[in-house]
PDB file of N, CA and C in Angstrom:
ATOM      1  N   MET A   1      87.076  86.247  95.365  1.00  0.00           N
ATOM      2  CA  MET A   1      88.108  87.225  94.864  1.00  0.00           C
ATOM      3  C   MET A   1      88.258  87.013  93.336  1.00  0.00           C
ATOM      4  N   ASN A   2      88.234  88.087  92.630  1.00  0.00           N
ATOM      5  CA  ASN A   2      88.528  88.028  91.192  1.00  0.00           C
ATOM      6  C   ASN A   2      90.012  88.229  90.938  1.00  0.00           C
ATOM      7  N   TRP A   3      90.479  87.496  89.879  1.00  0.00           N
ATOM      8  CA  TRP A   3      91.815  87.714  89.389  1.00  0.00           C
ATOM      9  C   TRP A   3      91.676  88.487  88.057  1.00  0.00           C
ATOM     10  N   TYR A   4      92.591  89.384  87.768  1.00  0.00           N
ATOM     11  CA  TYR A   4      92.531  90.151  86.565  1.00  0.00           C
ATOM     12  C   TYR A   4      93.809  89.950  85.749  1.00  0.00           C
ATOM     13  N   VAL A   5      93.554  89.753  84.434  1.00  0.00           N
ATOM     14  CA  VAL A   5      94.716  89.809  83.521  1.00  0.00           C
ATOM     15  C   VAL A   5      94.624  91.211  82.911  1.00  0.00           C
ATOM     16  N   TYR A   6      95.748  91.875  82.818  1.00  0.00           N
ATOM     17  CA  TYR A   6      95.719  93.202  82.297  1.00  0.00           C
ATOM     18  C   TYR A   6      96.878  93.437  81.262  1.00  0.00           C
ATOM     19  N   VAL A   7      96.651  94.420  80.422  1.00  0.00           N
ATOM     20  CA  VAL A   7      97.675  94.910  79.477  1.00  0.00           C
ATOM     21  C   VAL A   7      97.905  96.368  79.903  1.00  0.00           C
ATOM     22  N   ALA A   8      99.164  96.674  80.067  1.00  0.00           N
ATOM     23  CA  ALA A   8      99.525  98.033  80.391  1.00  0.00           C
ATOM     24  C   ALA A   8     100.376  98.660  79.279  1.00  0.00           C
ATOM     25  N   LEU A   9     100.039  99.927  78.971  1.00  0.00           N
ATOM     26  CA  LEU A   9     100.754 100.709  78.000  1.00  0.00           C
ATOM     27  C   LEU A   9     101.842 101.530  78.699  1.00  0.00           C
ATOM     28  N   CYS A  10     103.034 101.375  78.248  1.00  0.00           N
ATOM     29  CA  CYS A  10     104.225 102.068  78.904  1.00  0.00           C
ATOM     30  C   CYS A  10     104.572 103.358  78.212  1.00  0.00           C
ATOM     31  N   HIS A  11     105.260 104.209  78.836  1.00  0.00           N
ATOM     32  CA  HIS A  11     105.602 105.513  78.347  1.00  0.00           C
ATOM     33  C   HIS A  11     106.289 105.440  76.963  1.00  0.00           C
ATOM     34  N   ASP A  12     107.074 104.366  76.822  1.00  0.00           N
ATOM     35  CA  ASP A  12     107.804 104.227  75.540  1.00  0.00           C
ATOM     36  C   ASP A  12     106.997 103.589  74.416  1.00  0.00           C
ATOM     37  N   GLY A  13     105.709 103.311  74.720  1.00  0.00           N
ATOM     38  CA  GLY A  13     104.796 102.675  73.717  1.00  0.00           C
ATOM     39  C   GLY A  13     104.785 101.179  73.796  1.00  0.00           C
ATOM     40  N   SER A  14     105.581 100.589  74.606  1.00  0.00           N
ATOM     41  CA  SER A  14     105.642  99.100  74.744  1.00  0.00           C
ATOM     42  C   SER A  14     104.401  98.657  75.531  1.00  0.00           C
ATOM     43  N   LEU A  15     104.079  97.377  75.349  1.00  0.00           N
ATOM     44  CA  LEU A  15     102.937  96.788  76.176  1.00  0.00           C
ATOM     45  C   LEU A  15     103.456  95.727  77.152  1.00  0.00           C
ATOM     46  N   TYR A  16     102.836  95.680  78.295  1.00  0.00           N
ATOM     47  CA  TYR A  16     103.164  94.759  79.301  1.00  0.00           C
ATOM     48  C   TYR A  16     101.917  94.028  79.761  1.00  0.00           C
ATOM     49  N   THR A  17     101.984  92.700  79.843  1.00  0.00           N
ATOM     50  CA  THR A  17     100.804  91.884  80.271  1.00  0.00           C
ATOM     51  C   THR A  17     101.138  91.259  81.616  1.00  0.00           C
ATOM     52  N   GLY A  18     100.194  91.308  82.526  1.00  0.00           N
ATOM     53  CA  GLY A  18     100.367  90.756  83.898  1.00  0.00           C
ATOM     54  C   GLY A  18      99.010  90.352  84.434  1.00  0.00           C
ATOM     55  N   MET A  19      99.076  89.923  85.766  1.00  0.00           N
ATOM     56  CA  MET A  19      97.875  89.541  86.418  1.00  0.00           C
ATOM     57  C   MET A  19      97.920  90.032  87.896  1.00  0.00           C
ATOM     58  N   THR A  20      96.717  90.261  88.433  1.00  0.00           N
ATOM     59  CA  THR A  20      96.680  90.800  89.796  1.00  0.00           C
ATOM     60  C   THR A  20      95.257  90.571  90.367  1.00  0.00           C
ATOM     61  N   THR A  21      95.098  90.883  91.659  1.00  0.00           N
ATOM     62  CA  THR A  21      93.777  90.916  92.226  1.00  0.00           C
ATOM     63  C   THR A  21      93.206  92.285  92.453  1.00  0.00           C
ATOM     64  N   ASP A  22      94.151  93.317  92.235  1.00  0.00           N
ATOM     65  CA  ASP A  22      93.717  94.662  92.464  1.00  0.00           C
ATOM     66  C   ASP A  22      94.418  95.551  91.424  1.00  0.00           C
ATOM     67  N   LEU A  23      93.674  95.973  90.459  1.00  0.00           N
ATOM     68  CA  LEU A  23      94.212  96.706  89.341  1.00  0.00           C
ATOM     69  C   LEU A  23      94.797  98.072  89.728  1.00  0.00           C
ATOM     70  N   ALA A  24      94.136  98.803  90.510  1.00  0.00           N
ATOM     71  CA  ALA A  24      94.579 100.144  90.877  1.00  0.00           C
ATOM     72  C   ALA A  24      95.880  99.971  91.661  1.00  0.00           C
ATOM     73  N   ARG A  25      95.917  99.085  92.582  1.00  0.00           N
ATOM     74  CA  ARG A  25      97.127  98.889  93.453  1.00  0.00           C
ATOM     75  C   ARG A  25      98.266  98.490  92.557  1.00  0.00           C
ATOM     76  N   ARG A  26      98.069  97.579  91.631  1.00  0.00           N
ATOM     77  CA  ARG A  26      99.131  97.144  90.672  1.00  0.00           C
ATOM     78  C   ARG A  26      99.637  98.191  89.806  1.00  0.00           C
ATOM     79  N   GLU A  27      98.783  99.015  89.302  1.00  0.00           N
ATOM     80  CA  GLU A  27      99.217 100.174  88.395  1.00  0.00           C
ATOM     81  C   GLU A  27     100.081 101.072  89.284  1.00  0.00           C
ATOM     82  N   GLN A  28      99.676 101.345  90.531  1.00  0.00           N
ATOM     83  CA  GLN A  28     100.459 102.196  91.426  1.00  0.00           C
ATOM     84  C   GLN A  28     101.846 101.599  91.727  1.00  0.00           C
ATOM     85  N   GLU A  29     101.878 100.324  91.964  1.00  0.00           N
ATOM     86  CA  GLU A  29     103.114  99.637  92.237  1.00  0.00           C
ATOM     87  C   GLU A  29     104.053  99.735  91.032  1.00  0.00           C
ATOM     88  N   HIS A  30     103.538  99.568  89.805  1.00  0.00           N
ATOM     89  CA  HIS A  30     104.373  99.635  88.664  1.00  0.00           C
ATOM     90  C   HIS A  30     104.957 101.041  88.569  1.00  0.00           C
ATOM     91  N   ASN A  31     104.231 102.076  88.880  1.00  0.00           N
ATOM     92  CA  ASN A  31     104.635 103.416  88.715  1.00  0.00           C
ATOM     93  C   ASN A  31     105.463 103.996  89.844  1.00  0.00           C
ATOM     94  N   SER A  32     105.479 103.403  91.017  1.00  0.00           N
ATOM     95  CA  SER A  32     106.216 103.995  92.138  1.00  0.00           C
ATOM     96  C   SER A  32     107.129 103.084  92.923  1.00  0.00           C
ATOM     97  N   SER A  33     106.905 101.758  92.914  1.00  0.00           N
ATOM     98  CA  SER A  33     107.659 100.837  93.771  1.00  0.00           C
ATOM     99  C   SER A  33     108.796 100.188  93.045  1.00  0.00           C
ATOM    100  N   ASN A  34     110.008 100.302  93.454  1.00  0.00           N
ATOM    101  CA  ASN A  34     111.155  99.567  92.927  1.00  0.00           C
ATOM    102  C   ASN A  34     111.179  98.170  93.474  1.00  0.00           C
ATOM    103  N   ILE A  35     110.407  97.890  94.501  1.00  0.00           N
ATOM    104  CA  ILE A  35     110.367  96.530  95.150  1.00  0.00           C
ATOM    105  C   ILE A  35     109.217  95.705  94.573  1.00  0.00           C
ATOM    106  N   LEU A  36     107.981  96.292  94.579  1.00  0.00           N
ATOM    107  CA  LEU A  36     106.805  95.630  94.234  1.00  0.00           C
ATOM    108  C   LEU A  36     106.535  95.658  92.696  1.00  0.00           C
ATOM    109  N   GLY A  37     106.873  96.698  92.007  1.00  0.00           N
ATOM    110  CA  GLY A  37     106.640  96.838  90.583  1.00  0.00           C
ATOM    111  C   GLY A  37     107.626  95.923  89.733  1.00  0.00           C
ATOM    112  N   ALA A  38     107.189  95.606  88.571  1.00  0.00           N
ATOM    113  CA  ALA A  38     108.076  94.769  87.705  1.00  0.00           C
ATOM    114  C   ALA A  38     109.281  95.491  87.366  1.00  0.00           C
ATOM    115  N   LYS A  39     110.399  94.791  87.558  1.00  0.00           N
ATOM    116  CA  LYS A  39     111.776  95.421  87.267  1.00  0.00           C
ATOM    117  C   LYS A  39     111.905  95.880  85.875  1.00  0.00           C
ATOM    118  N   SER A  40     111.256  95.173  84.965  1.00  0.00           N
ATOM    119  CA  SER A  40     111.394  95.583  83.518  1.00  0.00           C
ATOM    120  C   SER A  40     110.707  96.823  83.222  1.00  0.00           C
ATOM    121  N   LEU A  41     109.834  97.293  84.069  1.00  0.00           N
ATOM    122  CA  LEU A  41     109.096  98.487  83.808  1.00  0.00           C
ATOM    123  C   LEU A  41     109.663  99.778  84.405  1.00  0.00           C
ATOM    124  N   ARG A  42     110.653  99.642  85.197  1.00  0.00           N
ATOM    125  CA  ARG A  42     111.232 100.812  85.931  1.00  0.00           C
ATOM    126  C   ARG A  42     111.634 101.934  84.999  1.00  0.00           C
ATOM    127  N   SER A  43     112.152 101.567  83.861  1.00  0.00           N
ATOM    128  CA  SER A  43     112.666 102.636  82.946  1.00  0.00           C
ATOM    129  C   SER A  43     111.547 103.032  81.938  1.00  0.00           C
ATOM    130  N   LYS A  44     110.308 102.441  82.075  1.00  0.00           N
ATOM    131  CA  LYS A  44     109.246 102.731  81.156  1.00  0.00           C
ATOM    132  C   LYS A  44     108.097 103.481  81.702  1.00  0.00           C
ATOM    133  N   ARG A  45     108.286 104.033  82.890  1.00  0.00           N
ATOM    134  CA  ARG A  45     107.202 104.785  83.554  1.00  0.00           C
ATOM    135  C   ARG A  45     106.961 106.081  82.926  1.00  0.00           C
ATOM    136  N   PRO A  46     105.716 106.566  83.005  1.00  0.00           N
ATOM    137  CA  PRO A  46     104.522 105.990  83.640  1.00  0.00           C
ATOM    138  C   PRO A  46     103.972 104.855  82.806  1.00  0.00           C
ATOM    139  N   VAL A  47     103.244 104.010  83.592  1.00  0.00           N
ATOM    140  CA  VAL A  47     102.607 102.879  82.977  1.00  0.00           C
ATOM    141  C   VAL A  47     101.054 102.988  83.315  1.00  0.00           C
ATOM    142  N   HIS A  48     100.233 102.714  82.350  1.00  0.00           N
ATOM    143  CA  HIS A  48      98.830 102.816  82.523  1.00  0.00           C
ATOM    144  C   HIS A  48      98.128 101.540  82.036  1.00  0.00           C
ATOM    145  N   ILE A  49      97.293 100.926  82.925  1.00  0.00           N
ATOM    146  CA  ILE A  49      96.546  99.722  82.526  1.00  0.00           C
ATOM    147  C   ILE A  49      95.478 100.165  81.560  1.00  0.00           C
ATOM    148  N   VAL A  50      95.468  99.663  80.356  1.00  0.00           N
ATOM    149  CA  VAL A  50      94.616 100.060  79.299  1.00  0.00           C
ATOM    150  C   VAL A  50      93.529  99.004  78.915  1.00  0.00           C
ATOM    151  N   TYR A  51      93.715  97.783  79.511  1.00  0.00           N
ATOM    152  CA  TYR A  51      92.793  96.670  79.230  1.00  0.00           C
ATOM    153  C   TYR A  51      92.842  95.676  80.333  1.00  0.00           C
ATOM    154  N   HIS A  52      91.674  95.092  80.663  1.00  0.00           N
ATOM    155  CA  HIS A  52      91.702  94.026  81.616  1.00  0.00           C
ATOM    156  C   HIS A  52      90.524  93.073  81.429  1.00  0.00           C
ATOM    157  N   GLU A  53      90.741  91.835  81.959  1.00  0.00           N
ATOM    158  CA  GLU A  53      89.647  90.820  81.860  1.00  0.00           C
ATOM    159  C   GLU A  53      89.668  90.206  83.363  1.00  0.00           C
ATOM    160  N   ALA A  54      88.463  89.808  83.761  1.00  0.00           N
ATOM    161  CA  ALA A  54      88.285  89.230  85.107  1.00  0.00           C
ATOM    162  C   ALA A  54      88.106  87.744  85.022  1.00  0.00           C
ATOM    163  N   TYR A  55      88.699  87.039  85.959  1.00  0.00           N
ATOM    164  CA  TYR A  55      88.569  85.628  86.052  1.00  0.00           C
ATOM    165  C   TYR A  55      88.364  85.145  87.521  1.00  0.00           C
ATOM    166  N   ASN A  56      87.699  84.053  87.699  1.00  0.00           N
ATOM    167  CA  ASN A  56      87.305  83.543  88.993  1.00  0.00           C
ATOM    168  C   ASN A  56      88.436  82.899  89.739  1.00  0.00           C
ATOM    169  N   THR A  57      89.404  82.324  89.026  1.00  0.00           N
ATOM    170  CA  THR A  57      90.497  81.683  89.671  1.00  0.00           C
ATOM    171  C   THR A  57      91.856  82.145  89.134  1.00  0.00           C
ATOM    172  N   GLN A  58      92.859  81.951  89.955  1.00  0.00           N
ATOM    173  CA  GLN A  58      94.199  82.324  89.626  1.00  0.00           C
ATOM    174  C   GLN A  58      94.639  81.411  88.422  1.00  0.00           C
ATOM    175  N   THR A  59      94.245  80.220  88.384  1.00  0.00           N
ATOM    176  CA  THR A  59      94.669  79.295  87.293  1.00  0.00           C
ATOM    177  C   THR A  59      94.157  79.820  85.968  1.00  0.00           C
ATOM    178  N   GLU A  60      92.842  80.223  85.929  1.00  0.00           N
ATOM    179  CA  GLU A  60      92.257  80.676  84.704  1.00  0.00           C
ATOM    180  C   GLU A  60      93.040  81.934  84.306  1.00  0.00           C
ATOM    181  N   ALA A  61      93.271  82.817  85.134  1.00  0.00           N
ATOM    182  CA  ALA A  61      93.996  84.062  84.880  1.00  0.00           C
ATOM    183  C   ALA A  61      95.387  83.827  84.331  1.00  0.00           C
ATOM    184  N   ARG A  62      96.053  82.832  84.995  1.00  0.00           N
ATOM    185  CA  ARG A  62      97.372  82.565  84.569  1.00  0.00           C
ATOM    186  C   ARG A  62      97.511  82.002  83.141  1.00  0.00           C
ATOM    187  N   LYS A  63      96.462  81.188  82.848  1.00  0.00           N
ATOM    188  CA  LYS A  63      96.460  80.602  81.469  1.00  0.00           C
ATOM    189  C   LYS A  63      96.245  81.686  80.381  1.00  0.00           C
ATOM    190  N   ARG A  64      95.323  82.576  80.753  1.00  0.00           N
ATOM    191  CA  ARG A  64      94.997  83.672  79.759  1.00  0.00           C
ATOM    192  C   ARG A  64      96.212  84.629  79.725  1.00  0.00           C
ATOM    193  N   GLU A  65      96.882  84.922  80.759  1.00  0.00           N
ATOM    194  CA  GLU A  65      98.073  85.718  80.741  1.00  0.00           C
ATOM    195  C   GLU A  65      99.088  85.197  79.912  1.00  0.00           C
ATOM    196  N   ALA A  66      99.333  83.815  80.022  1.00  0.00           N
ATOM    197  CA  ALA A  66     100.363  83.202  79.153  1.00  0.00           C
ATOM    198  C   ALA A  66      99.923  83.280  77.693  1.00  0.00           C
ATOM    199  N   GLU A  67      98.686  83.133  77.431  1.00  0.00           N
ATOM    200  CA  GLU A  67      98.183  83.154  75.976  1.00  0.00           C
ATOM    201  C   GLU A  67      98.446  84.538  75.391  1.00  0.00           C
ATOM    202  N   ILE A  68      98.060  85.588  76.140  1.00  0.00           N
ATOM    203  CA  ILE A  68      98.295  86.927  75.629  1.00  0.00           C
ATOM    204  C   ILE A  68      99.726  87.272  75.447  1.00  0.00           C
ATOM    205  N   LYS A  69     100.569  86.861  76.402  1.00  0.00           N
ATOM    206  CA  LYS A  69     102.005  87.133  76.336  1.00  0.00           C
ATOM    207  C   LYS A  69     102.621  86.517  75.063  1.00  0.00           C
ATOM    208  N   GLY A  70     102.020  85.424  74.603  1.00  0.00           N
ATOM    209  CA  GLY A  70     102.518  84.793  73.418  1.00  0.00           C
ATOM    210  C   GLY A  70     102.152  85.436  72.096  1.00  0.00           C
ATOM    211  N   TRP A  71     101.194  86.372  72.173  1.00  0.00           N
ATOM    212  CA  TRP A  71     100.756  87.076  70.971  1.00  0.00           C
ATOM    213  C   TRP A  71     101.726  88.097  70.482  1.00  0.00           C
ATOM    214  N   LYS A  72     101.732  88.377  69.220  1.00  0.00           N
ATOM    215  CA  LYS A  72     102.422  89.530  68.641  1.00  0.00           C
ATOM    216  C   LYS A  72     101.718  90.757  69.028  1.00  0.00           C
ATOM    217  N   ARG A  73     102.537  91.838  68.987  1.00  0.00           N
ATOM    218  CA  ARG A  73     101.996  93.132  69.355  1.00  0.00           C
ATOM    219  C   ARG A  73     100.764  93.594  68.639  1.00  0.00           C
ATOM    220  N   LYS A  74     100.646  93.254  67.362  1.00  0.00           N
ATOM    221  CA  LYS A  74      99.447  93.749  66.524  1.00  0.00           C
ATOM    222  C   LYS A  74      98.154  93.119  67.109  1.00  0.00           C
ATOM    223  N   TYR A  75      98.234  91.843  67.637  1.00  0.00           N
ATOM    224  CA  TYR A  75      97.110  91.175  68.197  1.00  0.00           C
ATOM    225  C   TYR A  75      96.743  91.816  69.527  1.00  0.00           C
ATOM    226  N   LYS A  76      97.757  92.138  70.346  1.00  0.00           N
ATOM    227  CA  LYS A  76      97.449  92.862  71.564  1.00  0.00           C
ATOM    228  C   LYS A  76      96.791  94.184  71.389  1.00  0.00           C
ATOM    229  N   LEU A  77      97.264  94.884  70.376  1.00  0.00           N
ATOM    230  CA  LEU A  77      96.613  96.195  70.035  1.00  0.00           C
ATOM    231  C   LEU A  77      95.210  96.032  69.560  1.00  0.00           C
ATOM    232  N   LYS A  78      94.958  94.968  68.838  1.00  0.00           N
ATOM    233  CA  LYS A  78      93.541  94.673  68.410  1.00  0.00           C
ATOM    234  C   LYS A  78      92.605  94.386  69.683  1.00  0.00           C
ATOM    235  N   LEU A  79      93.187  93.709  70.604  1.00  0.00           N
ATOM    236  CA  LEU A  79      92.526  93.357  71.909  1.00  0.00           C
ATOM    237  C   LEU A  79      92.132  94.685  72.581  1.00  0.00           C
ATOM    238  N   ILE A  80      93.099  95.571  72.711  1.00  0.00           N
ATOM    239  CA  ILE A  80      92.895  96.884  73.394  1.00  0.00           C
ATOM    240  C   ILE A  80      91.907  97.734  72.686  1.00  0.00           C
ATOM    241  N   ASP A  81      91.966  97.690  71.333  1.00  0.00           N
ATOM    242  CA  ASP A  81      91.004  98.502  70.550  1.00  0.00           C
ATOM    243  C   ASP A  81      89.552  98.055  70.667  1.00  0.00           C
ATOM    244  N   LYS A  82      89.291  96.921  71.183  1.00  0.00           N
ATOM    245  CA  LYS A  82      87.935  96.442  71.330  1.00  0.00           C
ATOM    246  C   LYS A  82      87.154  97.164  72.382  1.00  0.00           C
ATOM    247  N   LEU A  83      87.816  97.991  73.161  1.00  0.00           N
ATOM    248  CA  LEU A  83      87.169  98.783  74.272  1.00  0.00           C
ATOM    249  C   LEU A  83      86.265  99.870  73.736  1.00  0.00           C
TER     250      LEU A  83
END
C-alpha cells in the first residue's frame, strides 16, 4: 500500500497539507463529510488536491508531511509549480 502526502488548494486560496492512502477518497471527504474531512477545511470548500508524493510507509509520509507543513507558503507554491 502506498501512502501519499498531498497539498490541497482551498476555495479561499489557502493551502492544506495532509496524508492518506487514497487521494480521490480523501478529496471527496474534505469536500463533503463533516465527520471524516478536516474540521479546519469545512468553511474553505471546495478543496482540490493539486500536488502529491507517494511513499512506501506511513512513517516516511508522516515525516514528509511534517516537513512540508513547516514551510512558508511561498515554498509550498514552488513545490506545486514543479508539476
